[in-house]
Amino acid sequence: MPEMPEVQGLTAFLAERAVGRMITRATVSAIAALKTYDPPITALQQATIAASARLGKFVVLSCGDDLHLVFHLAKAGWLRWYETLPATLIKPGKSPIALRVALDDGSGFDLTEAGTKKSLAVYVVRDPHDVPGIARLGPDPLDSSFTRDAFAALLEDRRMQIKGLLRDQAVIAGIGNAYSDEILHAARMSPYAIAGKLDDAEIDRLFAAMRETLGEAVAAASGKPPADLKDAKRRGMQVHARRGEACPVCADTVRSVFFADRSLEYCPTCQTGGKVLADRRLSRLLK
């Protein structure tokens, strides 16, 4: 799933290539992806893109103060950029393309989604906060106003596991499964640690790890075209999606815990005092 650093990379790319360009056509080929009807998608035609921004994992392309194209790439979505947009017609239901946007210089982009579970979402709204997912977002972890004390206040008295808290968009915006693994590894913290029980030293360590991990990932994504962002993300991972490989810090074997639709990765030596966490798949089989 694209997370804050990759989405920030996309918005920066679009700021450079799409801002100032007029939309000549916006074609929805996956009807379920379009979540709004007022304003209609046709309102984008002849509108000029004035700004590109990120809110959490959402991309916001603003065409003036009261017209915005907003999209969320979900788990398997991506943006495919073309310097010259293909002239071929998109056949609904026959293509991974959910939305095609054509610009007045002949360039444009497709929003694509792989797999059978379709979650990519497109909105045309008068105010980005009309999108429910944006309205409920927590603070951005790289915002200058999000201090260590503000972070500590979010953790206070929360009984949830820290891995789940970091992924909760209503608590902190932009972090998903991959970067929560990376942050916890950098902080030398178990994904099962209870948020409200962390002491001051642990909060200091976790906050620093979050800012550093995300800051480095955003810097690595900066200036890269969409086609290169996924590979850049993979290369930067220390533990996420590296099950069975050696931890780059201590050389222990990176382990996984599997859930219904995802897994987490961690290093036992760095994060759990050498303890190997139970694999949920095996636990279910033993019941």
Protein backbone atom coordinates (compact mmCIF):
# COMPACT_ATOMS: atom_id res chain seq x y z
CA MET A 1 0.00 0.00 0.00
CA PRO A 2 1.35 3.46 -0.84
CA GLU A 3 2.00 5.32 2.41
CA MET A 4 2.99 8.85 3.29
CA PRO A 5 6.47 8.94 1.67
CA GLU A 6 5.29 7.52 -1.66
CA VAL A 7 2.16 9.67 -1.69
CA GLN A 8 4.31 12.70 -0.88
CA GLY A 9 6.51 11.75 -3.81
CA LEU A 10 3.48 11.56 -6.08
CA THR A 11 2.13 14.94 -4.99
CA ALA A 12 5.52 16.55 -5.53
CA PHE A 13 5.75 15.01 -9.00
CA LEU A 14 2.24 16.20 -9.87
CA ALA A 15 3.05 19.66 -8.52
CA GLU A 16 5.89 19.82 -11.02
CA ARG A 17 4.16 18.23 -14.02
CA ALA A 18 0.42 18.77 -13.65
CA VAL A 19 -0.03 22.06 -11.79
CA GLY A 20 -0.81 24.82 -14.27
CA ARG A 21 -2.20 22.38 -16.82
CA MET A 22 -5.86 22.27 -17.84
CA ILE A 23 -7.81 19.00 -17.59
CA THR A 24 -9.30 18.26 -20.98
CA ARG A 25 -10.91 14.96 -20.03
CA ALA A 26 -11.48 12.82 -16.92
CA THR A 27 -12.81 9.35 -17.69
CA VAL A 28 -13.94 6.89 -15.03
CA SER A 29 -13.68 3.29 -16.20
CA ALA A 30 -14.31 1.64 -12.81
CA ILE A 31 -17.63 3.10 -11.68
CA ALA A 32 -17.24 1.74 -8.14
CA ALA A 33 -14.09 3.82 -7.69
CA LEU A 34 -15.98 7.13 -7.97
CA LYS A 35 -17.46 7.85 -4.55
CA THR A 36 -19.16 11.19 -5.25
CA TYR A 37 -21.67 12.56 -7.74
CA ASP A 38 -21.93 16.26 -6.86
CA PRO A 39 -19.97 17.95 -8.37
CA PRO A 40 -20.01 15.52 -11.30
CA ILE A 41 -16.77 14.20 -12.76
CA THR A 42 -17.49 16.33 -15.84
CA ALA A 43 -16.95 19.47 -13.72
CA LEU A 44 -13.21 18.80 -14.02
CA GLN A 45 -13.26 19.33 -17.77
CA GLN A 46 -11.60 22.65 -18.70
CA ALA A 47 -10.54 23.16 -15.06
CA THR A 48 -6.92 24.15 -14.42
CA ILE A 49 -4.97 22.33 -11.72
CA ALA A 50 -3.79 24.99 -9.29
CA ALA A 51 -2.18 22.92 -6.54
CA SER A 52 -1.13 19.40 -5.57
CA ALA A 53 -1.11 18.36 -1.91
CA ARG A 54 -1.10 15.36 0.38
CA LEU A 55 -3.47 14.81 3.31
CA GLY A 56 -2.56 11.57 5.06
CA LYS A 57 -2.49 9.02 2.23
CA PHE A 58 -4.84 11.09 0.04
CA VAL A 59 -3.70 13.07 -3.00
CA VAL A 60 -5.56 16.35 -3.50
CA LEU A 61 -5.45 18.12 -6.88
CA SER A 62 -7.11 21.50 -6.42
CA CYS A 63 -8.73 23.34 -9.33
CA GLY A 64 -9.52 26.57 -7.50
CA ASP A 65 -11.06 26.96 -4.07
CA ASP A 66 -14.25 24.98 -4.67
CA LEU A 67 -13.28 22.09 -6.96
CA HIS A 68 -10.90 19.31 -5.96
CA LEU A 69 -10.01 15.92 -7.39
CA VAL A 70 -9.09 13.66 -4.47
CA PHE A 71 -7.94 10.07 -4.63
CA HIS A 72 -6.74 7.32 -2.30
CA LEU A 73 -4.75 4.50 -3.86
CA ALA A 74 -5.73 1.92 -1.20
CA LYS A 75 -3.77 -1.34 -1.04
CA ALA A 76 -3.07 -2.08 -4.70
CA GLY A 77 -3.59 1.22 -6.52
CA TRP A 78 -1.01 3.33 -8.30
CA LEU A 79 -0.59 6.33 -10.58
CA ARG A 80 0.81 5.77 -14.08
CA TRP A 81 2.10 8.93 -15.73
CA TYR A 82 2.38 9.48 -19.48
CA GLU A 83 4.19 12.29 -21.24
CA THR A 84 1.92 11.42 -24.15
CA LEU A 85 -1.36 9.89 -23.04
CA PRO A 86 -2.38 6.76 -25.01
CA ALA A 87 -5.17 7.28 -27.51
CA THR A 88 -6.61 3.79 -26.97
CA LEU A 89 -10.10 3.57 -25.51
CA ILE A 90 -10.50 2.09 -22.05
CA LYS A 91 -12.99 -0.74 -21.84
CA PRO A 92 -14.81 -0.77 -18.47
CA GLY A 93 -14.24 -4.02 -16.64
CA LYS A 94 -11.51 -5.07 -19.06
CA SER A 95 -8.65 -3.01 -17.69
CA PRO A 96 -6.92 -2.26 -14.37
CA ILE A 97 -7.45 1.44 -15.11
CA ALA A 98 -9.96 3.11 -12.79
CA LEU A 99 -9.56 6.74 -13.91
CA ARG A 100 -7.82 8.47 -16.82
CA VAL A 101 -7.04 12.20 -16.71
CA ALA A 102 -5.93 13.98 -19.89
CA LEU A 103 -4.13 17.33 -19.77
CA ASP A 104 -3.92 20.09 -22.34
CA ASP A 105 -0.29 19.45 -23.31
CA GLY A 106 -1.02 15.84 -24.29
CA SER A 107 0.26 14.35 -21.04
CA GLY A 108 -1.85 12.77 -18.33
CA PHE A 109 -2.18 9.90 -15.93
CA ASP A 110 -4.11 6.75 -15.15
CA LEU A 111 -5.08 5.52 -11.71
CA THR A 112 -4.72 1.75 -11.79
CA GLU A 113 -5.56 -1.02 -9.35
CA ALA A 114 -4.32 -4.59 -9.38
CA GLY A 115 -6.07 -7.62 -7.91
CA THR A 116 -9.70 -8.53 -7.46
CA LYS A 117 -10.42 -6.57 -4.27
CA LYS A 118 -11.09 -3.05 -5.51
CA SER A 119 -10.66 -0.31 -2.89
CA LEU A 120 -9.18 2.60 -4.84
CA ALA A 121 -11.34 5.67 -4.25
CA VAL A 122 -11.86 8.84 -6.31
CA TYR A 123 -13.75 11.92 -5.14
CA VAL A 124 -14.72 15.20 -6.80
CA VAL A 125 -15.57 17.63 -4.00
CA ARG A 126 -15.89 21.32 -3.19
CA ASP A 127 -13.82 20.94 -0.03
CA PRO A 128 -11.29 18.12 0.62
CA HIS A 129 -12.71 17.75 4.12
CA ASP A 130 -15.98 16.62 2.55
CA VAL A 131 -14.16 13.29 2.03
CA PRO A 132 -14.94 11.21 5.16
CA GLY A 133 -11.46 9.70 5.32
CA ILE A 134 -9.87 13.15 5.32
CA ALA A 135 -12.31 14.59 7.85
CA ARG A 136 -11.27 11.99 10.43
CA LEU A 137 -7.49 12.19 9.92
CA GLY A 138 -5.23 12.62 12.90
CA PRO A 139 -2.17 14.91 12.86
CA ASP A 140 0.57 14.53 10.27
CA PRO A 141 3.63 13.05 12.02
CA LEU A 142 6.07 15.28 10.09
CA ASP A 143 4.19 18.51 10.76
CA SER A 144 6.29 20.92 12.81
CA SER A 145 3.41 21.35 15.26
CA PHE A 146 3.36 17.62 16.03
CA THR A 147 5.79 17.61 18.94
CA ARG A 148 7.01 14.87 21.21
CA ASP A 149 4.56 16.05 23.89
CA ALA A 150 1.66 16.02 21.41
CA PHE A 151 2.62 12.45 20.51
CA ALA A 152 2.78 11.46 24.17
CA ALA A 153 -0.70 12.89 24.71
CA LEU A 154 -2.06 10.65 21.94
CA LEU A 155 -0.61 7.57 23.63
CA GLU A 156 -1.83 8.38 27.13
CA ASP A 157 -4.24 5.79 28.60
CA ARG A 158 -4.60 3.97 25.26
CA ARG A 159 -4.79 0.22 25.75
CA MET A 160 -4.20 -0.69 22.11
CA GLN A 161 -1.01 -2.24 20.77
CA ILE A 162 1.45 0.31 19.41
CA LYS A 163 1.55 -1.30 15.95
CA GLY A 164 -2.21 -0.79 15.57
CA LEU A 165 -2.06 2.75 16.94
CA LEU A 166 0.59 3.82 14.44
CA ARG A 167 -1.58 2.47 11.59
CA ASP A 168 -4.78 4.15 12.82
CA GLN A 169 -5.36 7.12 10.50
CA ALA A 170 -7.65 8.79 13.03
CA VAL A 171 -4.75 8.89 15.50
CA ILE A 172 -1.79 9.65 13.20
CA ALA A 173 -2.17 10.29 9.47
CA GLY A 174 -0.13 8.62 6.75
CA ILE A 175 1.55 5.61 8.37
CA GLY A 176 0.57 2.13 7.21
CA ASN A 177 1.70 -1.44 7.65
CA ALA A 178 5.15 -1.09 6.09
CA TYR A 179 6.38 2.05 7.83
CA SER A 180 4.94 1.04 11.20
CA ASP A 181 7.16 -2.08 10.98
CA GLU A 182 10.15 0.10 10.10
CA ILE A 183 9.48 2.64 12.85
CA LEU A 184 9.13 -0.04 15.52
CA HIS A 185 12.32 -1.75 14.37
CA ALA A 186 14.20 1.56 14.51
CA ALA A 187 12.75 2.19 18.00
CA ARG A 188 13.69 -1.34 19.17
CA MET A 189 10.11 -1.90 20.28
CA SER A 190 7.73 -4.85 20.15
CA PRO A 191 4.71 -4.36 17.87
CA TYR A 192 2.61 -5.71 20.75
CA ALA A 193 3.73 -3.08 23.29
CA ILE A 194 0.72 -1.32 24.81
CA ALA A 195 0.68 2.36 23.83
CA GLY A 196 -0.51 3.71 27.16
CA LYS A 197 2.15 1.80 29.13
CA LEU A 198 5.20 3.23 27.40
CA ASP A 199 7.53 5.14 29.72
CA ASP A 200 9.14 8.49 28.90
CA ALA A 201 12.31 6.95 27.48
CA GLU A 202 10.32 4.63 25.22
CA ILE A 203 8.16 7.51 24.00
CA ASP A 204 11.30 9.55 23.26
CA ARG A 205 12.78 6.65 21.31
CA LEU A 206 9.60 5.94 19.38
CA PHE A 207 8.98 9.58 18.47
CA ALA A 208 12.55 10.02 17.25
CA ALA A 209 12.33 6.79 15.23
CA MET A 210 9.06 7.89 13.64
CA ARG A 211 10.37 11.30 12.59
CA GLU A 212 13.68 9.94 11.34
CA THR A 213 12.25 6.93 9.47
CA LEU A 214 9.54 8.94 7.72
CA GLY A 215 11.82 11.90 7.06
CA GLU A 216 14.43 9.70 5.38
CA ALA A 217 11.77 7.92 3.31
CA VAL A 218 10.24 11.20 2.13
CA ALA A 219 13.70 12.44 1.15
CA ALA A 220 14.37 9.20 -0.74
CA ALA A 221 11.08 9.58 -2.65
CA SER A 222 11.70 13.22 -3.51
CA GLY A 223 12.32 13.89 -7.19
CA LYS A 224 11.49 10.38 -8.33
CA PRO A 225 8.86 9.74 -11.03
CA PRO A 226 5.92 7.49 -10.09
CA ALA A 227 7.44 4.49 -11.90
CA ASP A 228 10.45 4.51 -9.55
CA LEU A 229 8.76 5.12 -6.19
CA LYS A 230 7.80 1.52 -5.40
CA ASP A 231 11.33 0.22 -5.94
CA ALA A 232 12.74 3.05 -3.83
CA LYS A 233 10.40 2.05 -1.01
CA ARG A 234 11.43 -1.61 -1.16
CA ARG A 235 15.13 -0.78 -1.16
CA GLY A 236 14.76 1.32 1.97
CA MET A 237 13.05 -1.35 4.08
CA GLN A 238 15.02 -2.90 6.95
CA VAL A 239 12.51 -5.54 8.08
CA HIS A 240 9.20 -5.08 6.29
CA ALA A 241 8.68 -7.74 3.59
CA ARG A 242 12.11 -9.20 4.46
CA ARG A 243 11.02 -12.36 6.28
CA GLY A 244 13.82 -14.89 6.46
CA GLU A 245 16.54 -12.35 5.73
CA ALA A 246 19.19 -11.18 8.18
CA CYS A 247 18.41 -8.10 10.26
CA PRO A 248 20.80 -5.36 9.07
CA VAL A 249 21.40 -4.30 12.69
CA CYS A 250 22.06 -7.56 14.55
CA ALA A 251 21.97 -10.29 11.82
CA ASP A 252 19.16 -12.23 13.55
CA THR A 253 16.51 -13.64 11.20
CA VAL A 254 13.60 -11.33 10.42
CA ARG A 255 10.32 -13.01 11.41
CA SER A 256 6.67 -12.53 10.42
CA VAL A 257 3.30 -12.73 12.13
CA PHE A 258 0.44 -13.30 9.69
CA PHE A 259 -3.09 -11.95 9.96
CA ALA A 260 -6.12 -12.29 7.68
CA ASP A 261 -5.07 -9.71 5.11
CA ARG A 262 -1.55 -8.65 6.07
CA SER A 263 1.56 -9.56 7.99
CA LEU A 264 3.98 -7.74 10.23
CA GLU A 265 7.74 -8.20 10.25
CA TYR A 266 10.11 -7.71 13.16
CA CYS A 267 13.51 -8.71 14.53
CA PRO A 268 13.35 -10.78 17.75
CA THR A 269 16.78 -9.65 18.99
CA CYS A 270 16.19 -5.94 18.33
CA GLN A 271 12.54 -5.75 19.35
CA THR A 272 11.26 -8.56 21.58
CA GLY A 273 14.22 -9.56 23.75
CA GLY A 274 14.79 -12.65 21.61
CA LYS A 275 11.21 -13.87 21.92
CA VAL A 276 9.63 -15.22 18.72
CA LEU A 277 6.04 -14.01 18.46
CA ALA A 278 3.37 -16.62 17.75
CA ASP A 279 2.38 -17.03 14.12
CA ARG A 280 -1.39 -16.54 14.05
CA ARG A 281 -1.80 -19.08 11.23
CA LEU A 282 -0.26 -21.86 13.32
CA SER A 283 -2.19 -20.76 16.41
CA ARG A 284 -5.48 -21.23 14.52
CA LEU A 285 -4.46 -24.70 13.33
CA LEU A 286 -3.64 -25.81 16.86
CA LYS A 287 -7.04 -24.85 18.29
